[in-house]
């Protein structure tokens, strides 16, 4: 008679353990730092919270955490009226891809902005303007620009220019270069249709703040200083947030149309301290919370309580004595004075049959580099004689 084999207690436990491990592995997901669903804790830039990473080359790699997800609930196959109604409510509305955008582009002209890998970017337009961007020695290009002229206005040509100096990456500068002009145009249209008096300065302010709010929703870090020039119907409106600067030449005399927004300025210092922040000097540079050396700009989400996007704007009618306008990042102005910049540019642009504004841009960048500039240098030279009404 053949005896039936009865499993021992050890064999039973071993099989149950193997079954449990297989079941757990099928339901587990590895959450590694490289995974798209891994969200590191936000870093607050303050002197008390910065931790120095371990310098040991043999430090152990991060351990992977096994997280078991609950079993997925099977879909209901019933077709009752109540269940159908619930499903319909959860479905999002279909997108109407044929609908026109709510806001039309500022103008039809599109200009390529510098990329991170670009060493030098050049652009010019029919003698109206020239652009020159040169990458610094500190890392990838973080500056961006926008330059466009709409000649359809006839004698009252319309144009928009901007230089955007990024810090902590180029995302904020690129976002502002793409969106700021359209946001200002939308704010101008809203101002014209409003019942209160039309205010160009208020429209520009709303455009800057709208751009800042939209960028913060992206969740990206970093920020950007901005300087812009809006020309419409013979009027020039120059705005800035940060330490990018606009300088105009009036018959050869340089005049700054903007004020650099640094924490060391008396009004900015008081504003920051009134909001509970602090300003201190680090290696000869005044910084907010010991971190950022500018007090206004787009982005900087972890310092947003003190770094505001509200610009300062100056408007004036374009007159025949206005020769040209220089918009540039601090990579130029840290090494070249306002009057020096005008003196360098003027022989290329004034009193000559064929102005060479691009050559003037290069000359200014070379001068700043020779004096030791390591930062990105971006500048636009605008010939104002084309916009005299």
Foldseek 3Di string as FASTA:
>chain_A
DDDDDDDDPVVVVVVVVVVVVVVQVVQKDKDDPVDPPDDDDDQFDFPVRDDDDDPDPPDDDDDIDIDGDDDDDDDDPDDDPVVVVVVVVPDDDDDDPPDDDPFDDLDPDDDDWDDQPDQWDWDDDPQFKIKIWGAFQPGTQQKTKEWDWDCPVPLFIKIKIKIKGWDPHNVQNVLCRRQLSRQLVVLQVVQVPDPDHRDSLVSSQRSQQVSQVVVVVVVDAIWIKMWMWIGGRQKIKIKIWAAWWKWWAQLLDIDTPADHAFCVDPVLVVQQVVLPWHWDADPNAIATSVPHGGQETRHNVSCPSGHYRGMDMDMDGDDPRTFKMKTKDVLQCVQAPRSRLSVQQCVQGPPDPDRDNNVSQVVSNVNSVVRPRRHMIIMMMGGCVSNHD
